[in-house]
Amino acid sequence: MTETERLTTRVSTKGQVILPKSIRQQRRWEPGTRLVVEDTPDGVLLKAAPLFAPTRPEDVYGSLPPTGSPKTLEEMEAGLIAEAKRRHARD
């Protein structure tokens, strides 16, 4: 969109803003899409809100039950070596 093609909208008495249809379609923002509103030096920035909250490994570690029998150190090392060879072979 060029400078001369700027779209405009108005703020309602309830503080609501209608986003132009072309922008909603381009962004695939369907009704009910949650948006993050950021105040920036250049104006207001709207971004789609993330679907899931950010997580850290320590937040989810151990959340899945173990399957199968525990591996020995030798089995783990053999698995690492096999994967390294597999990745190296495809380069």
Protein backbone atom coordinates (compact mmCIF):
# COMPACT_ATOMS: atom_id res chain seq x y z
CA MET A 1 0.00 0.00 0.00
CA THR A 2 1.47 3.35 -1.01
CA GLU A 3 1.28 6.62 0.89
CA THR A 4 -1.65 7.77 -1.29
CA GLU A 5 -3.58 4.53 -0.71
CA ARG A 6 -3.90 4.89 3.06
CA LEU A 7 -7.11 3.56 4.51
CA THR A 8 -8.91 5.51 7.20
CA THR A 9 -11.41 4.65 9.91
CA ARG A 10 -13.00 6.40 12.89
CA VAL A 11 -13.10 5.82 16.61
CA SER A 12 -16.69 5.31 17.81
CA THR A 13 -18.16 6.86 20.95
CA LYS A 14 -17.41 3.50 22.63
CA GLY A 15 -13.73 3.66 21.59
CA GLN A 16 -14.17 1.00 18.91
CA VAL A 17 -12.34 1.02 15.59
CA ILE A 18 -13.46 -0.82 12.47
CA LEU A 19 -10.53 -2.32 10.59
CA PRO A 20 -10.92 -2.12 6.81
CA LYS A 21 -12.04 -5.39 5.23
CA SER A 22 -8.99 -5.55 2.94
CA ILE A 23 -6.67 -5.48 5.97
CA ARG A 24 -8.69 -8.11 7.85
CA GLN A 25 -8.67 -10.39 4.80
CA GLN A 26 -4.97 -9.89 4.14
CA ARG A 27 -4.15 -10.72 7.78
CA ARG A 28 -6.78 -13.47 7.94
CA TRP A 29 -8.26 -11.84 11.04
CA GLU A 30 -11.67 -13.44 11.45
CA PRO A 31 -14.30 -12.18 13.90
CA GLY A 32 -13.14 -12.99 17.42
CA THR A 33 -9.42 -12.77 16.59
CA ARG A 34 -7.55 -11.54 19.67
CA LEU A 35 -5.18 -8.64 19.00
CA VAL A 36 -2.31 -7.22 21.02
CA VAL A 37 -2.31 -3.40 21.10
CA GLU A 38 1.05 -1.64 21.47
CA ASP A 39 1.60 2.10 21.81
CA THR A 40 4.67 3.05 19.74
CA PRO A 41 6.36 6.39 19.01
CA ASP A 42 4.89 6.22 15.47
CA GLY A 43 1.36 5.30 16.49
CA VAL A 44 -0.60 2.25 17.59
CA LEU A 45 0.47 -1.22 16.48
CA LEU A 46 -1.99 -4.14 16.25
CA LYS A 47 -0.70 -7.71 16.17
CA ALA A 48 -2.49 -11.03 16.39
CA ALA A 49 -2.17 -12.36 19.92
CA PRO A 50 -0.21 -15.61 20.26
CA LEU A 51 -2.39 -18.70 20.45
CA PHE A 52 -0.44 -20.08 23.41
CA ALA A 53 1.36 -18.41 26.27
CA PRO A 54 5.16 -18.55 26.01
CA THR A 55 6.65 -21.46 27.93
CA ARG A 56 10.07 -22.35 29.24
CA PRO A 57 11.54 -25.86 29.30
CA GLU A 58 11.33 -25.94 33.10
CA ASP A 59 7.59 -25.21 32.85
CA VAL A 60 6.89 -28.34 30.80
CA TYR A 61 9.71 -30.72 31.77
CA GLY A 62 8.28 -34.01 32.93
CA SER A 63 4.75 -33.23 31.75
CA LEU A 64 4.64 -36.35 29.57
CA PRO A 65 4.86 -39.76 31.15
CA PRO A 66 7.89 -41.87 30.17
CA THR A 67 7.33 -44.66 27.66
CA GLY A 68 9.38 -47.78 27.24
CA SER A 69 12.25 -48.94 29.38
CA PRO A 70 15.00 -46.57 30.55
CA LYS A 71 18.04 -46.37 28.26
CA THR A 72 21.59 -47.00 29.39
CA LEU A 73 24.33 -44.43 28.81
CA GLU A 74 25.76 -46.72 26.14
CA GLU A 75 22.39 -46.85 24.33
CA MET A 76 22.05 -43.06 24.49
CA GLU A 77 25.58 -42.54 23.14
CA ALA A 78 24.94 -45.05 20.35
CA GLY A 79 21.76 -43.18 19.45
CA LEU A 80 23.61 -39.85 19.33
CA ILE A 81 26.32 -41.30 17.12
CA ALA A 82 23.77 -42.90 14.79
CA GLU A 83 21.90 -39.58 14.44
CA ALA A 84 25.12 -37.65 13.80
CA LYS A 85 26.06 -40.14 11.06
CA ARG A 86 22.58 -39.91 9.54
CA ARG A 87 22.72 -36.10 9.43
CA HIS A 88 26.25 -36.07 8.09
CA ALA A 89 25.35 -38.58 5.36
CA ARG A 90 22.61 -36.36 3.89
CA ASP A 91 24.80 -33.24 3.55
